[in-house]
N, C-alpha and C. Protein backbone atom coordinates (compact mmCIF):
# COMPACT_ATOMS: atom_id res chain seq x y z
N MET A 1 -53.45 -33.77 69.69
CA MET A 1 -52.10 -33.74 70.21
C MET A 1 -51.07 -33.54 69.09
N LEU A 2 -51.25 -34.30 68.01
CA LEU A 2 -50.32 -34.18 66.89
C LEU A 2 -50.40 -32.79 66.27
N GLY A 3 -51.62 -32.26 66.17
CA GLY A 3 -51.79 -30.91 65.62
C GLY A 3 -51.07 -29.87 66.45
N THR A 4 -51.09 -30.03 67.76
CA THR A 4 -50.40 -29.09 68.64
C THR A 4 -48.89 -29.17 68.45
N LEU A 5 -48.36 -30.38 68.28
CA LEU A 5 -46.92 -30.54 68.05
C LEU A 5 -46.50 -29.94 66.71
N VAL A 6 -47.30 -30.16 65.69
CA VAL A 6 -46.99 -29.61 64.37
C VAL A 6 -47.08 -28.08 64.42
N GLY A 7 -48.13 -27.56 65.06
CA GLY A 7 -48.27 -26.11 65.20
C GLY A 7 -47.12 -25.50 65.96
N SER A 8 -46.66 -26.19 66.98
CA SER A 8 -45.52 -25.72 67.77
C SER A 8 -44.25 -25.67 66.93
N ALA A 9 -44.00 -26.71 66.16
CA ALA A 9 -42.80 -26.74 65.31
C ALA A 9 -42.85 -25.65 64.24
N ILE A 10 -44.00 -25.51 63.61
CA ILE A 10 -44.13 -24.49 62.57
C ILE A 10 -43.96 -23.09 63.17
N GLY A 11 -44.59 -22.85 64.31
CA GLY A 11 -44.48 -21.54 64.95
C GLY A 11 -43.06 -21.18 65.32
N GLY A 12 -42.31 -22.14 65.84
CA GLY A 12 -40.92 -21.89 66.21
C GLY A 12 -40.05 -21.57 65.02
N VAL A 13 -40.19 -22.33 63.95
CA VAL A 13 -39.39 -22.11 62.75
C VAL A 13 -39.73 -20.78 62.10
N VAL A 14 -41.01 -20.47 62.00
CA VAL A 14 -41.43 -19.22 61.36
C VAL A 14 -40.93 -18.02 62.15
N ALA A 15 -41.02 -18.09 63.48
CA ALA A 15 -40.57 -16.94 64.30
C ALA A 15 -39.09 -16.66 64.09
N VAL A 16 -38.27 -17.69 64.06
CA VAL A 16 -36.83 -17.50 63.89
C VAL A 16 -36.48 -17.07 62.46
N ALA A 17 -37.12 -17.67 61.48
CA ALA A 17 -36.80 -17.37 60.08
C ALA A 17 -37.37 -16.04 59.62
N ALA A 18 -38.52 -15.65 60.13
CA ALA A 18 -39.18 -14.44 59.65
C ALA A 18 -38.57 -13.16 60.22
N THR A 19 -37.96 -13.21 61.38
CA THR A 19 -37.45 -12.00 62.01
C THR A 19 -36.44 -11.25 61.14
N PRO A 20 -35.39 -11.88 60.63
CA PRO A 20 -34.47 -11.14 59.77
C PRO A 20 -35.11 -10.64 58.47
N VAL A 21 -36.03 -11.42 57.94
CA VAL A 21 -36.71 -11.02 56.71
C VAL A 21 -37.54 -9.76 56.95
N ILE A 22 -38.27 -9.75 58.04
CA ILE A 22 -39.11 -8.59 58.37
C ILE A 22 -38.24 -7.37 58.65
N LEU A 23 -37.16 -7.55 59.40
CA LEU A 23 -36.28 -6.40 59.68
C LEU A 23 -35.70 -5.83 58.39
N GLY A 24 -35.31 -6.70 57.47
CA GLY A 24 -34.78 -6.22 56.19
C GLY A 24 -35.84 -5.50 55.38
N ALA A 25 -37.06 -6.01 55.41
CA ALA A 25 -38.15 -5.38 54.66
C ALA A 25 -38.49 -4.00 55.23
N VAL A 26 -38.33 -3.83 56.52
CA VAL A 26 -38.62 -2.54 57.17
C VAL A 26 -37.49 -1.55 56.91
N GLY A 27 -36.28 -2.05 56.61
CA GLY A 27 -35.17 -1.16 56.29
C GLY A 27 -33.94 -1.31 57.15
N PHE A 28 -33.94 -2.26 58.08
CA PHE A 28 -32.75 -2.52 58.90
C PHE A 28 -31.94 -3.59 58.19
N THR A 29 -30.97 -3.17 57.37
CA THR A 29 -30.22 -4.10 56.53
C THR A 29 -28.79 -4.28 57.04
N GLY A 30 -28.11 -5.24 56.45
CA GLY A 30 -26.73 -5.51 56.82
C GLY A 30 -25.79 -4.36 56.48
N SER A 31 -26.15 -3.53 55.53
CA SER A 31 -25.30 -2.40 55.14
C SER A 31 -25.75 -1.08 55.76
N GLY A 32 -26.68 -1.13 56.67
CA GLY A 32 -27.16 0.09 57.33
C GLY A 32 -28.64 0.28 57.10
N ILE A 33 -29.13 1.42 57.54
CA ILE A 33 -30.55 1.71 57.40
C ILE A 33 -30.82 2.16 55.96
N ALA A 34 -31.81 1.54 55.34
CA ALA A 34 -32.15 1.84 53.95
C ALA A 34 -32.83 3.21 53.85
N ALA A 35 -32.46 3.96 52.84
CA ALA A 35 -33.04 5.30 52.63
C ALA A 35 -34.54 5.18 52.33
N ALA A 36 -35.30 6.15 52.80
CA ALA A 36 -36.74 6.26 52.56
C ALA A 36 -37.52 5.04 53.04
N SER A 37 -37.04 4.40 54.08
CA SER A 37 -37.71 3.22 54.63
C SER A 37 -38.36 3.57 55.96
N ILE A 38 -39.11 2.65 56.49
CA ILE A 38 -39.69 2.83 57.83
C ILE A 38 -38.57 3.00 58.85
N ALA A 39 -37.50 2.23 58.67
CA ALA A 39 -36.36 2.34 59.59
C ALA A 39 -35.76 3.74 59.55
N ALA A 40 -35.67 4.35 58.37
CA ALA A 40 -35.12 5.70 58.24
C ALA A 40 -36.02 6.71 58.97
N LYS A 41 -37.33 6.52 58.87
CA LYS A 41 -38.25 7.41 59.57
C LYS A 41 -38.13 7.24 61.08
N MET A 42 -37.97 5.99 61.52
CA MET A 42 -37.78 5.73 62.94
C MET A 42 -36.49 6.39 63.45
N MET A 43 -35.43 6.26 62.66
CA MET A 43 -34.14 6.85 63.04
C MET A 43 -34.25 8.37 63.11
N SER A 44 -34.94 8.98 62.15
CA SER A 44 -35.11 10.43 62.14
C SER A 44 -35.87 10.89 63.38
N ALA A 45 -36.95 10.19 63.70
CA ALA A 45 -37.75 10.55 64.87
C ALA A 45 -36.93 10.39 66.15
N ALA A 46 -36.15 9.33 66.25
CA ALA A 46 -35.32 9.11 67.44
C ALA A 46 -34.24 10.18 67.56
N ALA A 47 -33.64 10.55 66.43
CA ALA A 47 -32.60 11.57 66.46
C ALA A 47 -33.17 12.92 66.86
N ILE A 48 -34.33 13.27 66.34
CA ILE A 48 -34.96 14.54 66.71
C ILE A 48 -35.31 14.54 68.19
N ALA A 49 -35.84 13.43 68.69
CA ALA A 49 -36.23 13.34 70.11
C ALA A 49 -35.03 13.41 71.04
N ASN A 50 -33.85 12.97 70.57
CA ASN A 50 -32.66 12.94 71.42
C ASN A 50 -31.70 14.09 71.12
N GLY A 51 -32.15 15.09 70.43
CA GLY A 51 -31.31 16.25 70.18
C GLY A 51 -30.27 16.06 69.10
N GLY A 52 -30.52 15.17 68.14
CA GLY A 52 -29.62 15.04 67.01
C GLY A 52 -28.92 13.71 66.87
N GLY A 53 -29.00 12.85 67.84
CA GLY A 53 -28.34 11.55 67.76
C GLY A 53 -29.25 10.44 68.23
N VAL A 54 -28.99 9.25 67.80
CA VAL A 54 -29.74 8.08 68.24
C VAL A 54 -29.04 7.51 69.46
N ALA A 55 -29.78 7.36 70.54
CA ALA A 55 -29.20 6.88 71.80
C ALA A 55 -28.80 5.41 71.68
N ALA A 56 -27.63 5.10 72.24
CA ALA A 56 -27.18 3.70 72.29
C ALA A 56 -28.16 2.90 73.14
N GLY A 57 -28.51 1.72 72.68
CA GLY A 57 -29.43 0.86 73.42
C GLY A 57 -30.89 1.15 73.14
N SER A 58 -31.17 2.17 72.31
CA SER A 58 -32.56 2.48 71.98
C SER A 58 -33.11 1.42 71.03
N LEU A 59 -34.40 1.46 70.79
CA LEU A 59 -35.03 0.49 69.90
C LEU A 59 -34.41 0.55 68.51
N VAL A 60 -34.22 1.75 67.99
CA VAL A 60 -33.64 1.89 66.64
C VAL A 60 -32.22 1.33 66.61
N ALA A 61 -31.42 1.64 67.61
CA ALA A 61 -30.05 1.14 67.65
C ALA A 61 -30.02 -0.39 67.75
N THR A 62 -30.90 -0.94 68.57
CA THR A 62 -30.95 -2.40 68.74
C THR A 62 -31.39 -3.08 67.45
N LEU A 63 -32.43 -2.56 66.81
CA LEU A 63 -32.90 -3.16 65.56
C LEU A 63 -31.85 -3.05 64.45
N GLN A 64 -31.12 -1.94 64.42
CA GLN A 64 -30.06 -1.80 63.42
C GLN A 64 -28.95 -2.81 63.67
N SER A 65 -28.62 -3.03 64.93
CA SER A 65 -27.60 -4.02 65.26
C SER A 65 -28.04 -5.41 64.82
N VAL A 66 -29.28 -5.75 65.07
CA VAL A 66 -29.80 -7.06 64.67
C VAL A 66 -29.82 -7.17 63.14
N GLY A 67 -30.22 -6.08 62.46
CA GLY A 67 -30.24 -6.09 61.00
C GLY A 67 -28.86 -6.27 60.41
N ALA A 68 -27.85 -5.70 61.06
CA ALA A 68 -26.49 -5.76 60.53
C ALA A 68 -25.79 -7.07 60.87
N VAL A 69 -25.94 -7.54 62.09
CA VAL A 69 -25.17 -8.68 62.57
C VAL A 69 -26.01 -9.95 62.66
N GLY A 70 -27.29 -9.82 62.86
CA GLY A 70 -28.16 -10.98 63.07
C GLY A 70 -28.43 -11.18 64.54
N LEU A 71 -29.18 -12.20 64.84
CA LEU A 71 -29.58 -12.49 66.20
C LEU A 71 -28.61 -13.46 66.86
N SER A 72 -28.44 -13.31 68.15
CA SER A 72 -27.59 -14.23 68.91
C SER A 72 -28.31 -15.57 69.07
N THR A 73 -27.58 -16.58 69.46
CA THR A 73 -28.16 -17.90 69.67
C THR A 73 -29.22 -17.86 70.75
N SER A 74 -28.95 -17.15 71.83
CA SER A 74 -29.93 -17.09 72.92
C SER A 74 -31.21 -16.38 72.46
N THR A 75 -31.07 -15.34 71.66
CA THR A 75 -32.26 -14.65 71.16
C THR A 75 -33.03 -15.54 70.20
N ASN A 76 -32.33 -16.29 69.37
CA ASN A 76 -33.01 -17.24 68.49
C ASN A 76 -33.77 -18.30 69.29
N LEU A 77 -33.18 -18.77 70.38
CA LEU A 77 -33.86 -19.74 71.24
C LEU A 77 -35.12 -19.15 71.86
N ILE A 78 -35.02 -17.92 72.32
CA ILE A 78 -36.19 -17.27 72.92
C ILE A 78 -37.28 -17.06 71.87
N LEU A 79 -36.90 -16.56 70.69
CA LEU A 79 -37.87 -16.38 69.60
C LEU A 79 -38.51 -17.71 69.21
N GLY A 80 -37.70 -18.75 69.12
CA GLY A 80 -38.23 -20.06 68.78
C GLY A 80 -39.22 -20.57 69.81
N ALA A 81 -38.91 -20.36 71.08
CA ALA A 81 -39.81 -20.80 72.15
C ALA A 81 -41.13 -20.02 72.12
N LEU A 82 -41.03 -18.71 71.91
CA LEU A 82 -42.25 -17.90 71.84
C LEU A 82 -43.09 -18.27 70.62
N GLY A 83 -42.42 -18.48 69.48
CA GLY A 83 -43.13 -18.90 68.28
C GLY A 83 -43.77 -20.26 68.44
N ALA A 84 -43.06 -21.17 69.11
CA ALA A 84 -43.61 -22.50 69.35
C ALA A 84 -44.84 -22.43 70.24
N ALA A 85 -44.77 -21.61 71.27
CA ALA A 85 -45.93 -21.45 72.17
C ALA A 85 -47.12 -20.87 71.41
N ALA A 86 -46.87 -19.87 70.58
CA ALA A 86 -47.95 -19.26 69.80
C ALA A 86 -48.52 -20.27 68.81
N GLY A 87 -47.65 -21.04 68.15
CA GLY A 87 -48.12 -22.04 67.20
C GLY A 87 -48.92 -23.14 67.87
N ALA A 88 -48.48 -23.57 69.05
CA ALA A 88 -49.22 -24.60 69.79
C ALA A 88 -50.58 -24.07 70.23
N GLY A 89 -50.60 -22.81 70.68
CA GLY A 89 -51.87 -22.21 71.10
C GLY A 89 -52.84 -22.08 69.93
N ALA A 90 -52.33 -21.66 68.78
CA ALA A 90 -53.18 -21.52 67.60
C ALA A 90 -53.70 -22.89 67.15
N ALA A 91 -52.82 -23.88 67.14
CA ALA A 91 -53.23 -25.23 66.73
C ALA A 91 -54.26 -25.79 67.70
N GLY A 92 -54.07 -25.54 68.99
CA GLY A 92 -55.04 -26.00 69.99
C GLY A 92 -56.38 -25.32 69.82
N ALA A 93 -56.37 -24.03 69.52
CA ALA A 93 -57.63 -23.29 69.33
C ALA A 93 -58.36 -23.79 68.09
N ILE A 94 -57.62 -24.07 67.03
CA ILE A 94 -58.24 -24.58 65.81
C ILE A 94 -58.81 -25.97 66.07
N GLY A 95 -58.06 -26.80 66.78
CA GLY A 95 -58.54 -28.15 67.10
C GLY A 95 -59.77 -28.12 67.97
N ASP A 96 -59.83 -27.20 68.94
CA ASP A 96 -60.99 -27.09 69.81
C ASP A 96 -62.24 -26.70 69.03
N SER A 97 -62.09 -25.76 68.09
CA SER A 97 -63.26 -25.31 67.32
C SER A 97 -63.76 -26.42 66.40
N GLU A 98 -62.85 -27.25 65.87
CA GLU A 98 -63.27 -28.36 65.02
C GLU A 98 -64.02 -29.41 65.84
N GLU A 99 -63.58 -29.66 67.07
CA GLU A 99 -64.25 -30.62 67.94
C GLU A 99 -65.65 -30.14 68.28
N GLU A 100 -65.81 -28.84 68.54
CA GLU A 100 -67.13 -28.29 68.85
C GLU A 100 -68.07 -28.45 67.67
N GLU A 101 -67.57 -28.22 66.45
CA GLU A 101 -68.41 -28.38 65.26
C GLU A 101 -68.87 -29.82 65.13
N GLU A 102 -67.98 -30.78 65.39
CA GLU A 102 -68.35 -32.19 65.29
C GLU A 102 -69.42 -32.54 66.30
N LEU A 103 -69.35 -31.99 67.50
CA LEU A 103 -70.32 -32.28 68.54
C LEU A 103 -71.68 -31.67 68.23
N GLN A 104 -71.74 -30.60 67.47
CA GLN A 104 -72.99 -29.91 67.22
C GLN A 104 -73.71 -30.42 65.98
N GLU A 105 -73.10 -31.30 65.18
CA GLU A 105 -73.75 -31.80 63.99
C GLU A 105 -74.89 -32.74 64.37
N PRO A 106 -76.03 -32.67 63.66
CA PRO A 106 -77.15 -33.57 63.97
C PRO A 106 -76.81 -35.00 63.56
N PRO A 107 -77.51 -35.97 64.11
CA PRO A 107 -77.27 -37.37 63.73
C PRO A 107 -77.50 -37.57 62.23
N GLU A 108 -76.80 -38.54 61.65
CA GLU A 108 -76.88 -38.76 60.21
C GLU A 108 -78.26 -39.23 59.75
N ASN A 109 -79.02 -39.91 60.63
CA ASN A 109 -80.32 -40.43 60.20
C ASN A 109 -81.39 -39.34 60.21
N GLY A 110 -81.07 -38.15 60.60
CA GLY A 110 -82.00 -37.04 60.54
C GLY A 110 -82.92 -36.93 61.74
N SER A 111 -82.81 -37.82 62.70
CA SER A 111 -83.69 -37.75 63.86
C SER A 111 -83.19 -36.69 64.83
N LEU A 112 -84.10 -36.18 65.59
CA LEU A 112 -83.77 -35.17 66.59
C LEU A 112 -83.74 -35.79 67.96
N ILE A 113 -82.87 -35.30 68.78
CA ILE A 113 -82.81 -35.75 70.16
C ILE A 113 -83.48 -34.67 71.00
N VAL A 114 -84.51 -35.02 71.72
CA VAL A 114 -85.26 -34.07 72.53
C VAL A 114 -84.92 -34.32 73.97
N ALA A 115 -84.47 -33.29 74.63
CA ALA A 115 -84.15 -33.41 76.05
C ALA A 115 -85.39 -33.04 76.85
N ARG A 116 -85.68 -33.80 77.87
CA ARG A 116 -86.82 -33.52 78.74
C ARG A 116 -86.28 -33.17 80.11
N GLY A 117 -86.93 -32.25 80.71
CA GLY A 117 -86.53 -31.88 82.05
C GLY A 117 -87.26 -30.64 82.50
N ASN A 118 -87.00 -30.24 83.70
CA ASN A 118 -87.63 -29.05 84.25
C ASN A 118 -86.98 -27.81 83.65
N ILE A 119 -87.80 -26.88 83.27
CA ILE A 119 -87.29 -25.64 82.70
C ILE A 119 -87.52 -24.52 83.67
């Protein structure tokens, strides 16, 4: 239970904190799209597909807006909730696998348990 709570907290914080960092690394910065970046390639492809301009509300336009202004409070809450759910799920999966390993270990005295029954 504690592992799930810790995983949830870590997942929520990482999701909210990592989003602006990742967007900046891809090229969506506060001063515009960085030259020769993945964002610049995305913008070029979007402009070519739309006949020379990037459509308002498109993925590139939305990511550029987030890179320049940041995320709204509601978006941060949604990202935090999704990150928390993912962190709780990962922590639960790790905890489940550790419990299975504990159950499969042989007794410490080295004896074997033999099950009898109809096969």
